[in-house]
C-alpha atoms as a PDB file:
ATOM      1  CA  UNK A   1     132.937 102.682 182.204  1.00  0.00           C
ATOM      2  CA  UNK A   2     133.904  99.059 182.479  1.00  0.00           C
ATOM      3  CA  UNK A   3     134.642  97.142 179.306  1.00  0.00           C
ATOM      4  CA  UNK A   4     131.955  94.581 180.138  1.00  0.00           C
ATOM      5  CA  UNK A   5     129.307  97.326 180.404  1.00  0.00           C
ATOM      6  CA  UNK A   6     130.417  98.902 177.136  1.00  0.00           C
ATOM      7  CA  UNK A   7     130.301  95.553 175.337  1.00  0.00           C
ATOM      8  CA  UNK A   8     126.826  94.898 176.756  1.00  0.00           C
ATOM      9  CA  UNK A   9     125.551  98.266 175.485  1.00  0.00           C
ATOM     10  CA  UNK A  10     127.012  97.656 172.024  1.00  0.00           C
ATOM     11  CA  UNK A  11     125.414  94.191 171.875  1.00  0.00           C
ATOM     12  CA  UNK A  12     122.004  95.589 172.847  1.00  0.00           C
ATOM     13  CA  UNK A  13     122.238  98.283 170.166  1.00  0.00           C
ATOM     14  CA  UNK A  14     123.250  95.729 167.501  1.00  0.00           C
ATOM     15  CA  UNK A  15     120.478  93.352 168.542  1.00  0.00           C
ATOM     16  CA  UNK A  16     117.978  96.161 167.948  1.00  0.00           C
ATOM     17  CA  UNK A  17     119.451  97.387 164.646  1.00  0.00           C
ATOM     18  CA  UNK A  18     120.488  94.186 162.872  1.00  0.00           C
ATOM     19  CA  UNK A  19     116.988  92.691 162.370  1.00  0.00           C
ATOM     20  CA  UNK A  20     115.829  95.986 160.809  1.00  0.00           C
ATOM     21  CA  UNK A  21     118.849  96.092 158.509  1.00  0.00           C
ATOM     22  CA  UNK A  22     118.110  92.599 157.174  1.00  0.00           C
ATOM     23  CA  UNK A  23     114.349  92.986 156.919  1.00  0.00           C
ATOM     24  CA  UNK A  24     114.658  94.663 153.491  1.00  0.00           C
ATOM     25  CA  UNK A  25     115.337  92.202 150.724  1.00  0.00           C
ATOM     26  CA  UNK A  26     118.031  93.325 148.319  1.00  0.00           C
ATOM     27  CA  UNK A  27     117.338  92.465 144.695  1.00  0.00           C
ATOM     28  CA  UNK A  28     120.367  92.059 142.469  1.00  0.00           C
ATOM     29  CA  UNK A  29     121.346  90.238 139.311  1.00  0.00           C
ATOM     30  CA  UNK A  30     124.506  88.132 139.268  1.00  0.00           C
ATOM     31  CA  UNK A  31     126.245  87.253 136.012  1.00  0.00           C
ATOM     32  CA  UNK A  32     129.481  85.335 135.642  1.00  0.00           C
ATOM     33  CA  UNK A  33     131.821  83.780 133.108  1.00  0.00           C
ATOM     34  CA  UNK A  34     130.199  84.532 129.761  1.00  0.00           C
ATOM     35  CA  UNK A  35     133.630  84.437 128.055  1.00  0.00           C
ATOM     36  CA  UNK A  36     132.501  86.686 125.199  1.00  0.00           C
ATOM     37  CA  UNK A  37     134.457  86.635 121.942  1.00  0.00           C
ATOM     38  CA  UNK A  38     132.646  88.904 119.506  1.00  0.00           C
ATOM     39  CA  UNK A  39     135.029  87.790 116.715  1.00  0.00           C
ATOM     40  CA  UNK A  40     134.191  84.088 117.057  1.00  0.00           C
ATOM     41  CA  UNK A  41     132.475  82.715 113.958  1.00  0.00           C
ATOM     42  CA  UNK A  42     131.306  79.319 115.226  1.00  0.00           C
ATOM     43  CA  UNK A  43     128.400  78.889 117.641  1.00  0.00           C
ATOM     44  CA  UNK A  44     129.229  78.228 121.275  1.00  0.00           C
ATOM     45  CA  UNK A  45     128.658  74.662 122.456  1.00  0.00           C
ATOM     46  CA  UNK A  46     126.352  75.027 125.474  1.00  0.00           C
ATOM     47  CA  UNK A  47     127.166  71.679 127.146  1.00  0.00           C
ATOM     48  CA  UNK A  48     130.784  70.816 126.296  1.00  0.00           C
ATOM     49  CA  UNK A  49     132.202  67.542 127.555  1.00  0.00           C
ATOM     50  CA  UNK A  50     135.309  69.333 128.834  1.00  0.00           C
ATOM     51  CA  UNK A  51     137.411  72.480 128.584  1.00  0.00           C
ATOM     52  CA  UNK A  52     137.867  73.858 125.087  1.00  0.00           C
ATOM     53  CA  UNK A  53     139.727  77.164 124.697  1.00  0.00           C
ATOM     54  CA  UNK A  54     137.891  77.908 121.437  1.00  0.00           C
ATOM     55  CA  UNK A  55     134.415  77.476 122.961  1.00  0.00           C
ATOM     56  CA  UNK A  56     133.800  81.115 123.854  1.00  0.00           C
ATOM     57  CA  UNK A  57     130.455  82.892 123.629  1.00  0.00           C
ATOM     58  CA  UNK A  58     129.758  84.079 120.087  1.00  0.00           C
ATOM     59  CA  UNK A  59     127.605  87.101 119.120  1.00  0.00           C
ATOM     60  CA  UNK A  60     124.512  84.989 118.361  1.00  0.00           C
ATOM     61  CA  UNK A  61     124.614  83.221 121.735  1.00  0.00           C
ATOM     62  CA  UNK A  62     125.293  86.549 123.471  1.00  0.00           C
ATOM     63  CA  UNK A  63     122.203  87.963 121.752  1.00  0.00           C
ATOM     64  CA  UNK A  64     120.133  85.006 122.978  1.00  0.00           C
ATOM     65  CA  UNK A  65     121.401  85.479 126.538  1.00  0.00           C
ATOM     66  CA  UNK A  66     120.609  89.202 126.366  1.00  0.00           C
ATOM     67  CA  UNK A  67     117.091  88.436 125.093  1.00  0.00           C
ATOM     68  CA  UNK A  68     116.486  86.001 127.961  1.00  0.00           C
ATOM     69  CA  UNK A  69     117.547  88.611 130.483  1.00  0.00           C
ATOM     70  CA  UNK A  70     115.412  91.287 128.780  1.00  0.00           C
ATOM     71  CA  UNK A  71     112.316  89.029 128.747  1.00  0.00           C
ATOM     72  CA  UNK A  72     112.623  87.783 132.312  1.00  0.00           C
ATOM     73  CA  UNK A  73     114.203  90.541 134.426  1.00  0.00           C
ATOM     74  CA  UNK A  74     112.510  93.833 135.270  1.00  0.00           C
ATOM     75  CA  UNK A  75     109.342  95.320 136.687  1.00  0.00           C
ATOM     76  CA  UNK A  76     106.360  92.950 136.452  1.00  0.00           C
ATOM     77  CA  UNK A  77     108.517  90.092 135.134  1.00  0.00           C
ATOM     78  CA  UNK A  78     109.707  86.748 136.492  1.00  0.00           C
ATOM     79  CA  UNK A  79     112.590  88.439 138.337  1.00  0.00           C
ATOM     80  CA  UNK A  80     112.233  91.967 139.757  1.00  0.00           C
ATOM     81  CA  UNK A  81     114.316  94.861 138.471  1.00  0.00           C
ATOM     82  CA  UNK A  82     117.676  94.593 140.252  1.00  0.00           C
ATOM     83  CA  UNK A  83     118.967  97.336 142.530  1.00  0.00           C
ATOM     84  CA  UNK A  84     122.440  96.567 141.194  1.00  0.00           C
ATOM     85  CA  UNK A  85     124.178  94.066 138.923  1.00  0.00           C
ATOM     86  CA  UNK A  86     127.106  92.040 140.214  1.00  0.00           C
ATOM     87  CA  UNK A  87     129.319  90.775 137.417  1.00  0.00           C
ATOM     88  CA  UNK A  88     131.665  88.122 138.834  1.00  0.00           C
ATOM     89  CA  UNK A  89     134.373  88.184 136.199  1.00  0.00           C
ATOM     90  CA  UNK A  90     135.466  86.536 133.004  1.00  0.00           C
ATOM     91  CA  UNK A  91     133.548  88.752 130.612  1.00  0.00           C
ATOM     92  CA  UNK A  92     136.281  88.086 128.055  1.00  0.00           C
ATOM     93  CA  UNK A  93     136.825  84.871 126.108  1.00  0.00           C
ATOM     94  CA  UNK A  94     139.803  82.549 126.315  1.00  0.00           C
ATOM     95  CA  UNK A  95     141.068  82.766 122.740  1.00  0.00           C
ATOM     96  CA  UNK A  96     142.927  86.046 122.302  1.00  0.00           C
ATOM     97  CA  UNK A  97     143.222  87.947 119.073  1.00  0.00           C
ATOM     98  CA  UNK A  98     146.501  89.415 117.832  1.00  0.00           C
ATOM     99  CA  UNK A  99     145.856  92.572 119.886  1.00  0.00           C
ATOM    100  CA  UNK A 100     144.903  91.321 123.392  1.00  0.00           C
ATOM    101  CA  UNK A 101     144.282  94.807 124.819  1.00  0.00           C
ATOM    102  CA  UNK A 102     141.809  95.649 122.059  1.00  0.00           C
ATOM    103  CA  UNK A 103     140.194  92.198 122.407  1.00  0.00           C
ATOM    104  CA  UNK A 104     139.550  92.771 126.133  1.00  0.00           C
ATOM    105  CA  UNK A 105     138.329  96.340 125.595  1.00  0.00           C
ATOM    106  CA  UNK A 106     135.932  95.441 122.765  1.00  0.00           C
ATOM    107  CA  UNK A 107     134.382  92.417 124.471  1.00  0.00           C
ATOM    108  CA  UNK A 108     134.090  94.152 127.847  1.00  0.00           C
ATOM    109  CA  UNK A 109     132.493  97.195 126.239  1.00  0.00           C
ATOM    110  CA  UNK A 110     129.990  95.053 124.322  1.00  0.00           C
ATOM    111  CA  UNK A 111     128.931  93.082 127.412  1.00  0.00           C
ATOM    112  CA  UNK A 112     128.671  96.046 129.773  1.00  0.00           C
ATOM    113  CA  UNK A 113     126.984  98.277 127.179  1.00  0.00           C
ATOM    114  CA  UNK A 114     124.363  95.560 126.719  1.00  0.00           C
ATOM    115  CA  UNK A 115     123.665  95.514 130.457  1.00  0.00           C
ATOM    116  CA  UNK A 116     123.581  99.319 130.601  1.00  0.00           C
ATOM    117  CA  UNK A 117     121.033  99.458 127.778  1.00  0.00           C
ATOM    118  CA  UNK A 118     118.782  96.945 129.589  1.00  0.00           C
ATOM    119  CA  UNK A 119     119.182  98.570 133.003  1.00  0.00           C
ATOM    120  CA  UNK A 120     120.206 102.208 132.369  1.00  0.00           C
ATOM    121  CA  UNK A 121     119.916 103.452 135.966  1.00  0.00           C
ATOM    122  CA  UNK A 122     121.285 100.335 137.653  1.00  0.00           C
ATOM    123  CA  UNK A 123     124.842 100.293 139.017  1.00  0.00           C
ATOM    124  CA  UNK A 124     127.075  97.522 137.649  1.00  0.00           C
ATOM    125  CA  UNK A 125     129.772  96.195 139.952  1.00  0.00           C
ATOM    126  CA  UNK A 126     132.403  94.348 137.946  1.00  0.00           C
ATOM    127  CA  UNK A 127     134.827  91.989 139.667  1.00  0.00           C
ATOM    128  CA  UNK A 128     137.760  91.162 137.408  1.00  0.00           C
ATOM    129  CA  UNK A 129     138.254  87.508 136.533  1.00  0.00           C
ATOM    130  CA  UNK A 130     141.359  85.665 135.384  1.00  0.00           C
ATOM    131  CA  UNK A 131     140.402  86.209 131.720  1.00  0.00           C
ATOM    132  CA  UNK A 132     139.872  89.971 132.029  1.00  0.00           C
ATOM    133  CA  UNK A 133     143.509  91.115 132.050  1.00  0.00           C
ATOM    134  CA  UNK A 134     144.756  93.077 129.036  1.00  0.00           C
ATOM    135  CA  UNK A 135     147.960  91.054 129.173  1.00  0.00           C
ATOM    136  CA  UNK A 136     146.769  87.423 128.924  1.00  0.00           C
ATOM    137  CA  UNK A 137     144.590  84.843 130.654  1.00  0.00           C
ATOM    138  CA  UNK A 138     145.731  84.773 134.274  1.00  0.00           C
ATOM    139  CA  UNK A 139     147.706  87.920 133.522  1.00  0.00           C
ATOM    140  CA  UNK A 140     148.472  90.796 135.842  1.00  0.00           C
ATOM    141  CA  UNK A 141     146.129  93.755 136.035  1.00  0.00           C
ATOM    142  CA  UNK A 142     148.626  96.314 137.300  1.00  0.00           C
ATOM    143  CA  UNK A 143     150.956  96.090 134.300  1.00  0.00           C
ATOM    144  CA  UNK A 144     148.473  96.650 131.510  1.00  0.00           C
ATOM    145  CA  UNK A 145     145.906  99.352 132.097  1.00  0.00           C
ATOM    146  CA  UNK A 146     144.780  98.626 135.642  1.00  0.00           C
ATOM    147  CA  UNK A 147     145.965 100.275 138.814  1.00  0.00           C
ATOM    148  CA  UNK A 148     145.028  99.081 142.292  1.00  0.00           C
ATOM    149  CA  UNK A 149     142.230  96.952 140.858  1.00  0.00           C
ATOM    150  CA  UNK A 150     140.592  99.808 138.957  1.00  0.00           C
ATOM    151  CA  UNK A 151     140.819 100.874 135.358  1.00  0.00           C
ATOM    152  CA  UNK A 152     143.442 103.571 135.159  1.00  0.00           C
ATOM    153  CA  UNK A 153     142.174 104.922 131.862  1.00  0.00           C
ATOM    154  CA  UNK A 154     140.643 107.994 133.445  1.00  0.00           C
ATOM    155  CA  UNK A 155     137.052 106.798 133.039  1.00  0.00           C
ATOM    156  CA  UNK A 156     134.746 108.425 135.563  1.00  0.00           C
ATOM    157  CA  UNK A 157     131.604 106.508 136.438  1.00  0.00           C
ATOM    158  CA  UNK A 158     128.582 108.653 137.196  1.00  0.00           C
ATOM    159  CA  UNK A 159     125.543 107.843 139.322  1.00  0.00           C
ATOM    160  CA  UNK A 160     123.229 107.349 136.354  1.00  0.00           C
ATOM    161  CA  UNK A 161     125.260 104.423 135.005  1.00  0.00           C
ATOM    162  CA  UNK A 162     126.959 106.472 132.309  1.00  0.00           C
ATOM    163  CA  UNK A 163     130.662 106.999 132.069  1.00  0.00           C
ATOM    164  CA  UNK A 164     132.604 109.823 130.563  1.00  0.00           C
ATOM    165  CA  UNK A 165     135.261 108.181 128.407  1.00  0.00           C
ATOM    166  CA  UNK A 166     137.024 111.465 127.701  1.00  0.00           C
ATOM    167  CA  UNK A 167     137.316 112.972 131.173  1.00  0.00           C
ATOM    168  CA  UNK A 168     140.613 112.422 132.953  1.00  0.00           C
ATOM    169  CA  UNK A 169     140.640 112.384 136.766  1.00  0.00           C
ATOM    170  CA  UNK A 170     142.270 115.315 138.538  1.00  0.00           C
END
């Protein structure tokens, strides 16, 4: 078969399949850059005039954000229940505590657990941001708990949105 004929057949098949593939609207929720610091005692300034490393999201503001999502996202609400959640990084705040690994773990767990409680059967896709390294802001992921872009702690993620924190991979 000539290459031109093969290319023509492939193009015809794609022209028939592509419109059907895009006819279904995908509903997803995107969240980015909350910079959570559950230890912060002062309230986050919502419209800062410039960068301030101590202006992370505090617990009260995080609770308000969670309430807004709860009230407005889901079946029969302003925004439909998402098929998945895309978290685009920087869950963790800028100002690190004395134990940076624990700081990242605690803030990440709080943010993702909140999303899991609101949307228990919805997959969460987390893209690591520059603040999400155990090491430091703009730190490496491979040297402090991450391997090939994934947590190397042995956490297995299951289909129902639950993870088994005690099961090591084989």
